[in-house]
N, C-alpha and C. Protein backbone atom coordinates (compact mmCIF):
# COMPACT_ATOMS: atom_id res chain seq x y z
N UNK A 1 99.82 91.60 86.62
CA UNK A 1 98.74 92.41 86.07
C UNK A 1 99.24 93.10 84.81
N UNK A 2 98.47 93.02 83.72
CA UNK A 2 98.85 93.61 82.44
C UNK A 2 98.58 95.11 82.43
N UNK A 3 99.42 95.83 81.67
CA UNK A 3 99.22 97.26 81.44
C UNK A 3 99.41 97.52 79.96
N UNK A 4 98.37 98.05 79.31
CA UNK A 4 98.42 98.33 77.87
C UNK A 4 97.94 99.74 77.59
N UNK A 5 98.41 100.31 76.49
CA UNK A 5 97.97 101.63 76.06
C UNK A 5 97.39 101.53 74.65
N UNK A 6 96.23 102.15 74.46
CA UNK A 6 95.59 102.23 73.15
C UNK A 6 95.59 103.70 72.74
N UNK A 7 96.31 104.04 71.67
CA UNK A 7 96.33 105.41 71.18
C UNK A 7 95.25 105.55 70.11
N UNK A 8 94.11 106.11 70.51
CA UNK A 8 92.97 106.24 69.60
C UNK A 8 92.79 107.68 69.14
N UNK A 9 93.81 108.50 69.28
CA UNK A 9 93.72 109.89 68.81
C UNK A 9 93.57 109.90 67.30
N UNK A 10 92.66 110.74 66.81
CA UNK A 10 92.43 110.86 65.38
C UNK A 10 91.46 109.83 64.82
N UNK A 11 91.02 108.89 65.65
CA UNK A 11 90.07 107.89 65.18
C UNK A 11 88.64 108.38 65.39
N UNK A 12 87.77 108.06 64.43
CA UNK A 12 86.36 108.45 64.55
C UNK A 12 85.58 107.32 65.20
N UNK A 13 84.47 107.68 65.84
CA UNK A 13 83.61 106.68 66.49
C UNK A 13 83.03 105.75 65.44
N UNK A 14 82.95 104.46 65.74
CA UNK A 14 83.19 103.81 67.04
C UNK A 14 84.59 103.22 67.19
N UNK A 15 85.56 103.63 66.37
CA UNK A 15 86.89 103.00 66.39
C UNK A 15 87.59 103.04 67.75
N UNK A 16 87.52 104.14 68.53
CA UNK A 16 88.17 104.10 69.84
C UNK A 16 87.59 103.03 70.76
N UNK A 17 86.27 102.83 70.70
CA UNK A 17 85.63 101.81 71.54
C UNK A 17 86.05 100.41 71.07
N UNK A 18 86.08 100.21 69.77
CA UNK A 18 86.46 98.89 69.24
C UNK A 18 87.91 98.57 69.61
N UNK A 19 88.81 99.55 69.48
CA UNK A 19 90.21 99.33 69.84
C UNK A 19 90.34 99.02 71.34
N UNK A 20 89.57 99.72 72.16
CA UNK A 20 89.58 99.47 73.60
C UNK A 20 89.06 98.07 73.91
N UNK A 21 87.98 97.69 73.24
CA UNK A 21 87.40 96.36 73.44
C UNK A 21 88.43 95.28 73.14
N UNK A 22 89.14 95.41 72.03
CA UNK A 22 90.14 94.41 71.65
C UNK A 22 91.26 94.33 72.69
N UNK A 23 91.68 95.49 73.19
CA UNK A 23 92.75 95.50 74.20
C UNK A 23 92.28 94.84 75.48
N UNK A 24 91.04 95.07 75.89
CA UNK A 24 90.51 94.45 77.11
C UNK A 24 90.32 92.95 76.93
N UNK A 25 89.91 92.52 75.75
CA UNK A 25 89.73 91.09 75.49
C UNK A 25 91.05 90.33 75.53
N UNK A 26 92.14 91.04 75.28
CA UNK A 26 93.46 90.40 75.23
C UNK A 26 94.05 90.13 76.61
N UNK A 27 93.40 90.66 77.67
CA UNK A 27 93.93 90.47 79.02
C UNK A 27 92.87 89.87 79.93
N UNK A 28 93.33 89.07 80.91
CA UNK A 28 92.40 88.52 81.89
C UNK A 28 92.05 89.57 82.94
N UNK A 29 93.06 90.30 83.38
CA UNK A 29 92.86 91.42 84.26
C UNK A 29 94.03 92.37 84.08
N UNK A 30 93.84 93.60 84.54
CA UNK A 30 94.89 94.59 84.37
C UNK A 30 94.34 95.95 84.02
N UNK A 31 95.20 96.78 83.43
CA UNK A 31 94.83 98.16 83.11
C UNK A 31 95.06 98.43 81.62
N UNK A 32 94.07 99.03 81.00
CA UNK A 32 94.20 99.54 79.62
C UNK A 32 93.98 101.04 79.69
N UNK A 33 94.92 101.80 79.16
CA UNK A 33 94.75 103.25 79.09
C UNK A 33 94.50 103.62 77.64
N UNK A 34 93.33 104.17 77.37
CA UNK A 34 92.97 104.60 76.01
C UNK A 34 93.11 106.11 75.93
N UNK A 35 93.87 106.58 74.93
CA UNK A 35 94.08 108.02 74.73
C UNK A 35 93.20 108.46 73.56
N UNK A 36 92.34 109.46 73.82
CA UNK A 36 91.47 110.00 72.77
C UNK A 36 91.61 111.52 72.75
N UNK A 37 91.15 112.11 71.65
CA UNK A 37 91.35 113.55 71.48
C UNK A 37 90.05 114.35 71.39
N UNK A 38 88.92 113.71 71.76
CA UNK A 38 87.66 114.47 71.74
C UNK A 38 86.74 113.95 72.83
N UNK A 39 85.84 114.82 73.25
CA UNK A 39 84.95 114.54 74.37
C UNK A 39 84.02 113.37 74.10
N UNK A 40 83.48 113.27 72.89
CA UNK A 40 82.55 112.18 72.56
C UNK A 40 83.24 110.84 72.68
N UNK A 41 84.45 110.72 72.13
CA UNK A 41 85.19 109.46 72.23
C UNK A 41 85.47 109.12 73.68
N UNK A 42 85.85 110.12 74.47
CA UNK A 42 86.12 109.88 75.89
C UNK A 42 84.88 109.32 76.58
N UNK A 43 83.72 109.96 76.36
CA UNK A 43 82.48 109.51 77.00
C UNK A 43 82.11 108.10 76.56
N UNK A 44 82.28 107.82 75.26
CA UNK A 44 81.92 106.49 74.75
C UNK A 44 82.82 105.40 75.31
N UNK A 45 84.11 105.68 75.45
CA UNK A 45 85.04 104.69 76.00
C UNK A 45 84.72 104.45 77.47
N UNK A 46 84.45 105.51 78.22
CA UNK A 46 84.10 105.35 79.64
C UNK A 46 82.82 104.54 79.78
N UNK A 47 81.80 104.85 78.99
CA UNK A 47 80.53 104.12 79.06
C UNK A 47 80.73 102.65 78.73
N UNK A 48 81.56 102.38 77.71
CA UNK A 48 81.83 101.00 77.33
C UNK A 48 82.49 100.26 78.50
N UNK A 49 83.48 100.90 79.12
CA UNK A 49 84.20 100.27 80.23
C UNK A 49 83.25 99.94 81.38
N UNK A 50 82.45 100.92 81.78
CA UNK A 50 81.52 100.73 82.90
C UNK A 50 80.49 99.66 82.57
N UNK A 51 79.96 99.69 81.34
CA UNK A 51 78.96 98.71 80.92
C UNK A 51 79.51 97.29 80.93
N UNK A 52 80.83 97.16 80.83
CA UNK A 52 81.46 95.85 80.81
C UNK A 52 82.13 95.50 82.14
N UNK A 53 81.69 96.18 83.20
CA UNK A 53 82.12 95.82 84.53
C UNK A 53 83.52 96.25 84.91
N UNK A 54 84.06 97.22 84.20
CA UNK A 54 85.41 97.71 84.49
C UNK A 54 85.35 99.05 85.22
N UNK A 55 86.38 99.33 85.98
CA UNK A 55 86.51 100.65 86.57
C UNK A 55 87.10 101.60 85.54
N UNK A 56 86.75 102.88 85.61
CA UNK A 56 87.27 103.86 84.65
C UNK A 56 87.50 105.20 85.33
N UNK A 57 88.63 105.80 85.03
CA UNK A 57 88.93 107.15 85.48
C UNK A 57 89.55 107.91 84.32
N UNK A 58 89.41 109.24 84.33
CA UNK A 58 89.86 110.05 83.20
C UNK A 58 90.79 111.15 83.70
N UNK A 59 91.87 111.33 82.95
CA UNK A 59 92.79 112.44 83.21
C UNK A 59 92.97 113.19 81.90
N UNK A 60 92.88 114.52 81.96
CA UNK A 60 93.06 115.34 80.76
C UNK A 60 94.46 115.97 80.80
N UNK A 61 95.22 115.76 79.70
CA UNK A 61 96.56 116.34 79.60
C UNK A 61 96.77 116.85 78.18
N UNK A 62 97.18 118.08 78.06
CA UNK A 62 97.53 118.67 76.75
C UNK A 62 96.42 118.48 75.71
N UNK A 63 95.18 118.63 76.13
CA UNK A 63 94.07 118.53 75.19
C UNK A 63 93.67 117.12 74.82
N UNK A 64 94.26 116.13 75.46
CA UNK A 64 93.91 114.73 75.21
C UNK A 64 93.35 114.12 76.49
N UNK A 65 92.51 113.11 76.32
CA UNK A 65 91.92 112.41 77.45
C UNK A 65 92.57 111.04 77.59
N UNK A 66 93.02 110.72 78.79
CA UNK A 66 93.61 109.44 79.11
C UNK A 66 92.61 108.68 79.98
N UNK A 67 91.96 107.69 79.37
CA UNK A 67 90.94 106.91 80.07
C UNK A 67 91.61 105.64 80.61
N UNK A 68 91.74 105.56 81.91
CA UNK A 68 92.37 104.41 82.57
C UNK A 68 91.27 103.42 82.96
N UNK A 69 91.32 102.24 82.35
CA UNK A 69 90.30 101.22 82.55
C UNK A 69 90.91 100.04 83.30
N UNK A 70 90.30 99.67 84.40
CA UNK A 70 90.79 98.55 85.19
C UNK A 70 89.85 97.37 85.02
N UNK A 71 90.41 96.27 84.53
CA UNK A 71 89.62 95.06 84.29
C UNK A 71 89.92 94.03 85.37
N UNK A 72 88.87 93.43 85.90
CA UNK A 72 89.00 92.37 86.89
C UNK A 72 87.76 91.51 86.85
N UNK A 73 87.63 90.60 87.79
CA UNK A 73 86.45 89.74 87.84
C UNK A 73 85.22 90.58 88.16
N UNK A 74 84.09 90.35 87.48
CA UNK A 74 82.88 91.12 87.78
C UNK A 74 82.37 90.83 89.19
N UNK A 75 81.77 91.84 89.80
CA UNK A 75 81.20 91.67 91.13
C UNK A 75 79.88 90.91 91.02
N UNK A 76 79.38 90.42 92.14
CA UNK A 76 78.10 89.71 92.14
C UNK A 76 76.98 90.63 91.68
N UNK A 77 77.05 91.90 92.08
CA UNK A 77 76.03 92.87 91.68
C UNK A 77 76.03 93.06 90.16
N UNK A 78 77.23 93.13 89.54
CA UNK A 78 77.31 93.28 88.09
C UNK A 78 76.74 92.06 87.39
N UNK A 79 77.02 90.85 87.93
CA UNK A 79 76.48 89.63 87.31
C UNK A 79 74.96 89.62 87.41
N UNK A 80 74.42 90.04 88.57
CA UNK A 80 72.96 90.08 88.75
C UNK A 80 72.31 91.07 87.78
N UNK A 81 72.95 92.24 87.63
CA UNK A 81 72.41 93.25 86.72
C UNK A 81 72.39 92.74 85.29
N UNK A 82 73.48 92.06 84.89
CA UNK A 82 73.57 91.54 83.53
C UNK A 82 72.51 90.48 83.26
N UNK A 83 72.04 89.81 84.32
CA UNK A 83 71.08 88.72 84.14
C UNK A 83 69.64 89.20 84.12
N UNK A 84 69.40 90.47 84.40
CA UNK A 84 68.02 90.94 84.43
C UNK A 84 67.44 90.95 83.02
N UNK A 85 66.14 90.75 82.93
CA UNK A 85 65.48 90.67 81.63
C UNK A 85 64.88 91.99 81.22
N UNK A 86 65.68 93.02 81.09
CA UNK A 86 65.17 94.34 80.79
C UNK A 86 65.08 94.59 79.29
N UNK A 87 64.10 95.37 78.90
CA UNK A 87 63.82 95.65 77.49
C UNK A 87 64.62 96.86 77.02
N UNK A 88 65.08 96.79 75.77
CA UNK A 88 65.75 97.91 75.11
C UNK A 88 64.91 98.28 73.88
N UNK A 89 64.62 99.58 73.75
CA UNK A 89 63.89 100.07 72.59
C UNK A 89 64.86 100.80 71.65
N UNK A 90 64.78 100.50 70.36
CA UNK A 90 65.51 101.22 69.32
C UNK A 90 64.50 102.12 68.61
N UNK A 91 64.70 103.43 68.72
CA UNK A 91 63.75 104.39 68.17
C UNK A 91 64.40 105.07 66.97
N UNK A 92 63.87 104.76 65.78
CA UNK A 92 64.54 105.17 64.55
C UNK A 92 63.93 106.39 63.86
N UNK A 93 62.83 106.89 64.40
CA UNK A 93 62.24 108.09 63.81
C UNK A 93 61.43 108.83 64.87
N UNK A 94 61.01 110.05 64.53
CA UNK A 94 60.31 110.86 65.53
C UNK A 94 58.80 110.75 65.43
N UNK A 95 58.32 109.85 64.58
CA UNK A 95 56.89 109.54 64.53
C UNK A 95 56.74 108.03 64.64
N UNK A 96 55.59 107.60 65.12
CA UNK A 96 55.36 106.18 65.35
C UNK A 96 54.46 105.60 64.26
N UNK A 97 54.88 104.49 63.69
CA UNK A 97 54.10 103.82 62.67
C UNK A 97 54.34 104.38 61.28
N UNK A 98 53.65 103.81 60.31
CA UNK A 98 53.78 104.22 58.91
C UNK A 98 52.45 104.78 58.43
N UNK A 99 52.51 105.72 57.52
CA UNK A 99 51.29 106.36 57.01
C UNK A 99 51.35 107.84 57.27
N UNK A 100 50.43 108.34 58.04
CA UNK A 100 50.34 109.76 58.33
C UNK A 100 51.38 110.19 59.36
N UNK A 101 52.22 111.17 59.00
CA UNK A 101 53.19 111.72 59.96
C UNK A 101 52.48 112.47 61.08
N UNK A 102 51.36 113.10 60.75
CA UNK A 102 50.60 113.83 61.77
C UNK A 102 50.08 112.86 62.83
N UNK A 103 49.50 111.75 62.38
CA UNK A 103 49.04 110.72 63.31
C UNK A 103 50.22 110.10 64.04
N UNK A 104 51.32 109.89 63.33
CA UNK A 104 52.52 109.31 63.94
C UNK A 104 53.06 110.16 65.08
N UNK A 105 52.98 111.50 64.95
CA UNK A 105 53.43 112.40 66.01
C UNK A 105 52.52 112.28 67.24
N UNK A 106 51.22 112.14 67.01
CA UNK A 106 50.26 111.95 68.12
C UNK A 106 50.56 110.63 68.83
N UNK A 107 50.81 109.57 68.05
CA UNK A 107 51.10 108.26 68.63
C UNK A 107 52.41 108.26 69.42
N UNK A 108 53.41 109.00 68.90
CA UNK A 108 54.69 109.10 69.61
C UNK A 108 54.49 109.72 70.98
N UNK A 109 53.75 110.81 71.02
CA UNK A 109 53.49 111.46 72.31
C UNK A 109 52.74 110.52 73.25
N UNK A 110 51.75 109.83 72.73
CA UNK A 110 50.98 108.88 73.55
C UNK A 110 51.88 107.76 74.08
N UNK A 111 52.80 107.30 73.25
CA UNK A 111 53.72 106.24 73.65
C UNK A 111 54.56 106.68 74.84
N UNK A 112 55.15 107.88 74.75
CA UNK A 112 56.04 108.34 75.82
C UNK A 112 55.28 108.81 77.06
N UNK A 113 54.02 109.16 76.92
CA UNK A 113 53.19 109.46 78.09
C UNK A 113 52.87 108.16 78.82
N UNK A 114 52.64 107.09 78.06
CA UNK A 114 52.23 105.81 78.62
C UNK A 114 53.40 104.98 79.15
N UNK A 115 54.57 105.09 78.52
CA UNK A 115 55.71 104.23 78.86
C UNK A 115 56.05 104.22 80.35
N UNK A 116 56.03 105.38 81.05
CA UNK A 116 56.37 105.35 82.49
C UNK A 116 55.36 104.57 83.34
N UNK A 117 54.18 104.31 82.78
CA UNK A 117 53.15 103.59 83.53
C UNK A 117 53.28 102.08 83.40
N UNK A 118 54.13 101.63 82.49
CA UNK A 118 54.31 100.20 82.24
C UNK A 118 55.48 99.70 83.07
N UNK A 119 55.28 98.63 83.80
CA UNK A 119 56.34 98.04 84.61
C UNK A 119 56.74 96.69 84.02
N UNK A 120 58.02 96.37 84.02
CA UNK A 120 59.11 97.24 84.44
C UNK A 120 59.45 98.25 83.35
N UNK A 121 60.10 99.31 83.77
CA UNK A 121 60.56 100.30 82.79
C UNK A 121 61.63 99.66 81.91
N UNK A 122 61.80 100.17 80.69
CA UNK A 122 62.89 99.65 79.85
C UNK A 122 64.25 99.99 80.45
N UNK A 123 65.24 99.20 80.10
CA UNK A 123 66.60 99.49 80.55
C UNK A 123 67.17 100.67 79.78
N UNK A 124 66.95 100.66 78.45
CA UNK A 124 67.54 101.70 77.60
C UNK A 124 66.59 102.08 76.48
N UNK A 125 66.69 103.35 76.07
CA UNK A 125 66.05 103.84 74.86
C UNK A 125 67.20 104.33 73.97
N UNK A 126 67.31 103.73 72.78
CA UNK A 126 68.39 104.06 71.85
C UNK A 126 67.79 104.81 70.67
N UNK A 127 68.29 106.01 70.41
CA UNK A 127 67.73 106.87 69.37
C UNK A 127 68.70 106.96 68.20
N UNK A 128 68.20 106.61 66.99
CA UNK A 128 69.01 106.72 65.78
C UNK A 128 68.22 107.46 64.71
N UNK A 129 68.91 107.87 63.65
CA UNK A 129 68.32 108.57 62.52
C UNK A 129 67.39 109.68 63.03
N UNK A 130 66.19 109.81 62.47
CA UNK A 130 65.28 110.88 62.86
C UNK A 130 64.80 110.79 64.30
N UNK A 131 65.00 109.64 64.93
CA UNK A 131 64.61 109.47 66.32
C UNK A 131 65.36 110.41 67.26
N UNK A 132 66.57 110.84 66.85
CA UNK A 132 67.35 111.73 67.72
C UNK A 132 66.66 113.08 67.91
N UNK A 133 65.76 113.43 67.02
CA UNK A 133 65.03 114.70 67.19
C UNK A 133 64.24 114.71 68.49
N UNK A 134 63.86 113.53 68.97
CA UNK A 134 63.07 113.43 70.20
C UNK A 134 63.87 113.79 71.44
N UNK A 135 65.19 113.69 71.37
CA UNK A 135 66.03 113.99 72.53
C UNK A 135 66.61 115.40 72.49
N UNK A 136 66.28 116.16 71.46
CA UNK A 136 66.83 117.50 71.28
C UNK A 136 65.86 118.57 71.78
N UNK A 137 66.40 119.77 71.96
CA UNK A 137 65.57 120.91 72.37
C UNK A 137 64.39 121.05 71.42
N UNK A 138 63.23 121.35 71.98
CA UNK A 138 62.02 121.54 71.18
C UNK A 138 61.23 120.26 70.95
N UNK A 139 61.73 119.14 71.42
CA UNK A 139 61.02 117.87 71.26
C UNK A 139 59.69 117.91 72.01
N UNK A 140 58.61 117.41 71.39
CA UNK A 140 57.31 117.41 72.07
C UNK A 140 57.23 116.40 73.22
N UNK A 141 58.23 115.51 73.32
CA UNK A 141 58.20 114.50 74.39
C UNK A 141 59.37 114.66 75.37
N UNK A 142 60.02 115.81 75.32
CA UNK A 142 61.21 116.04 76.13
C UNK A 142 60.95 115.86 77.63
N UNK A 143 59.85 116.41 78.14
CA UNK A 143 59.54 116.28 79.56
C UNK A 143 59.35 114.83 79.96
N UNK A 144 58.73 114.03 79.09
CA UNK A 144 58.50 112.62 79.38
C UNK A 144 59.82 111.85 79.38
N UNK A 145 60.71 112.20 78.44
CA UNK A 145 62.02 111.54 78.40
C UNK A 145 62.85 111.91 79.63
N UNK A 146 62.79 113.17 80.05
CA UNK A 146 63.52 113.58 81.25
C UNK A 146 63.01 112.82 82.47
N UNK A 147 61.71 112.63 82.54
CA UNK A 147 61.13 111.88 83.67
C UNK A 147 61.61 110.43 83.66
N UNK A 148 61.69 109.83 82.48
CA UNK A 148 62.19 108.46 82.37
C UNK A 148 63.66 108.39 82.78
N UNK A 149 64.44 109.37 82.35
CA UNK A 149 65.85 109.42 82.70
C UNK A 149 66.03 109.53 84.21
N UNK A 150 65.21 110.36 84.85
CA UNK A 150 65.29 110.53 86.30
C UNK A 150 64.94 109.24 87.05
N UNK A 151 64.17 108.38 86.40
CA UNK A 151 63.80 107.10 87.02
C UNK A 151 64.79 105.99 86.66
N UNK A 152 65.89 106.34 86.01
CA UNK A 152 66.96 105.37 85.76
C UNK A 152 67.00 104.77 84.37
N UNK A 153 66.12 105.18 83.47
CA UNK A 153 66.16 104.67 82.10
C UNK A 153 67.32 105.35 81.37
N UNK A 154 68.16 104.55 80.73
CA UNK A 154 69.31 105.06 79.98
C UNK A 154 68.82 105.56 78.61
N UNK A 155 69.16 106.81 78.28
CA UNK A 155 68.78 107.40 76.99
C UNK A 155 70.05 107.70 76.21
N UNK A 156 70.21 107.07 75.05
CA UNK A 156 71.41 107.23 74.25
C UNK A 156 71.05 107.64 72.83
N UNK A 157 71.67 108.71 72.34
CA UNK A 157 71.43 109.19 70.98
C UNK A 157 72.68 109.02 70.14
N UNK A 158 72.50 108.52 68.94
CA UNK A 158 73.61 108.29 68.00
C UNK A 158 74.29 109.61 67.66
N UNK A 159 75.60 109.68 67.90
CA UNK A 159 76.37 110.90 67.63
C UNK A 159 76.41 111.25 66.16
N UNK A 160 76.56 110.24 65.30
CA UNK A 160 76.58 110.48 63.85
C UNK A 160 75.26 111.08 63.40
N UNK A 161 74.16 110.58 63.96
CA UNK A 161 72.82 111.07 63.59
C UNK A 161 72.62 112.50 64.08
N UNK A 162 73.05 112.79 65.31
CA UNK A 162 72.96 114.15 65.83
C UNK A 162 73.75 115.11 64.96
N UNK A 163 74.94 114.69 64.53
CA UNK A 163 75.75 115.53 63.63
C UNK A 163 75.04 115.76 62.31
N UNK A 164 74.47 114.70 61.75
CA UNK A 164 73.80 114.79 60.45
C UNK A 164 72.66 115.81 60.48
N UNK A 165 71.89 115.80 61.56
CA UNK A 165 70.76 116.73 61.70
C UNK A 165 71.15 118.04 62.40
N UNK A 166 72.46 118.25 62.63
CA UNK A 166 72.97 119.47 63.28
C UNK A 166 72.30 119.69 64.64
N UNK A 167 72.22 118.61 65.43
CA UNK A 167 71.54 118.68 66.72
C UNK A 167 72.44 118.38 67.92
N UNK A 168 73.72 118.12 67.68
CA UNK A 168 74.58 117.70 68.80
C UNK A 168 74.60 118.75 69.91
N UNK A 169 74.64 120.04 69.54
CA UNK A 169 74.67 121.09 70.57
C UNK A 169 73.29 121.36 71.14
N UNK A 170 72.26 120.68 70.61
CA UNK A 170 70.89 120.87 71.10
C UNK A 170 70.37 119.66 71.86
N UNK A 171 71.24 118.66 72.07
CA UNK A 171 70.83 117.49 72.84
C UNK A 171 70.39 117.94 74.23
N UNK A 172 69.16 117.58 74.62
CA UNK A 172 68.59 118.09 75.87
C UNK A 172 68.37 117.02 76.93
N UNK A 173 68.52 115.76 76.56
CA UNK A 173 68.33 114.69 77.54
C UNK A 173 69.16 113.48 77.10
N UNK A 174 69.68 112.75 78.08
CA UNK A 174 70.49 111.58 77.76
C UNK A 174 71.88 111.97 77.33
N UNK A 175 72.55 111.05 76.64
CA UNK A 175 73.92 111.32 76.21
C UNK A 175 74.17 110.77 74.82
N UNK A 176 75.32 111.15 74.29
CA UNK A 176 75.71 110.76 72.93
C UNK A 176 76.37 109.39 72.98
N UNK A 177 76.08 108.56 71.97
CA UNK A 177 76.71 107.25 71.88
C UNK A 177 77.13 106.97 70.45
N UNK A 178 77.55 105.74 70.20
CA UNK A 178 78.01 105.36 68.86
C UNK A 178 77.36 104.04 68.46
N UNK A 179 77.58 103.65 67.20
CA UNK A 179 76.93 102.45 66.68
C UNK A 179 77.40 101.19 67.37
N UNK A 180 78.65 101.16 67.79
CA UNK A 180 79.14 99.97 68.49
C UNK A 180 78.33 99.73 69.77
N UNK A 181 78.16 100.79 70.55
CA UNK A 181 77.41 100.66 71.81
C UNK A 181 75.96 100.30 71.54
N UNK A 182 75.37 100.91 70.52
CA UNK A 182 73.98 100.60 70.17
C UNK A 182 73.83 99.12 69.84
N UNK A 183 74.72 98.61 68.98
CA UNK A 183 74.64 97.20 68.60
C UNK A 183 74.90 96.28 69.80
N UNK A 184 75.84 96.67 70.65
CA UNK A 184 76.12 95.85 71.83
C UNK A 184 74.91 95.78 72.74
N UNK A 185 74.25 96.91 72.96
CA UNK A 185 73.08 96.92 73.84
C UNK A 185 71.93 96.12 73.25
N UNK A 186 71.75 96.20 71.93
CA UNK A 186 70.70 95.41 71.27
C UNK A 186 71.02 93.92 71.34
N UNK A 187 72.29 93.57 71.15
CA UNK A 187 72.69 92.16 71.16
C UNK A 187 72.58 91.54 72.56
N UNK A 188 72.89 92.33 73.58
CA UNK A 188 72.89 91.82 74.95
C UNK A 188 71.50 91.78 75.57
N UNK A 189 70.58 92.56 75.02
CA UNK A 189 69.25 92.65 75.62
C UNK A 189 68.47 91.36 75.41
N UNK A 190 67.85 90.84 76.47
CA UNK A 190 66.98 89.67 76.29
C UNK A 190 65.82 89.97 75.35
N UNK A 191 65.40 91.25 75.33
CA UNK A 191 64.29 91.62 74.44
C UNK A 191 64.56 93.03 73.92
N UNK A 192 64.63 93.16 72.60
CA UNK A 192 64.84 94.46 71.96
C UNK A 192 63.68 94.72 71.01
N UNK A 193 63.15 95.92 71.06
CA UNK A 193 61.99 96.31 70.24
C UNK A 193 62.37 97.51 69.41
N UNK A 194 62.11 97.45 68.11
CA UNK A 194 62.39 98.56 67.21
C UNK A 194 61.11 99.32 66.90
N UNK A 195 61.16 100.63 67.04
CA UNK A 195 60.00 101.48 66.72
C UNK A 195 60.37 102.39 65.56
């Protein structure tokens, strides 16, 4: 069984995830320990590991996070989950459609009120650029997003976008992600829809 260490301290997202991915691809099975120096990188590496069928545990030492990732053959349940035809939505702004922003805000609310009534529910909602405003405190659709999250829909907001709009400390639903994870989820989805 292989054992490797990835020192990703000082790297900005998505570099820790990419370095971890390369280390995992280099082994058939074994353990990769990725060392990061911030909470966002730690969360993104753990999410990447879990999404790719690996076990992950975290130990904090001296202000650094040691993410221990165990790679092995995927379970039957993981293979079944990967084969499901679930939809992923990429939400790039806080209004729906082009033209009137006022109308777009009304349509956005209608969309998120209606989405829980459509079966099957989407697998993931990915928020980028102005779309991250919808996951922050004060969002007009926050209650609807929380309800979707409680029903198992994954809500991920771009960390760079949250930083740009000074909203990272105001994130009220879902979790922070990076561009690597967003692209991976869009690429893996049998059906991806951009709004």
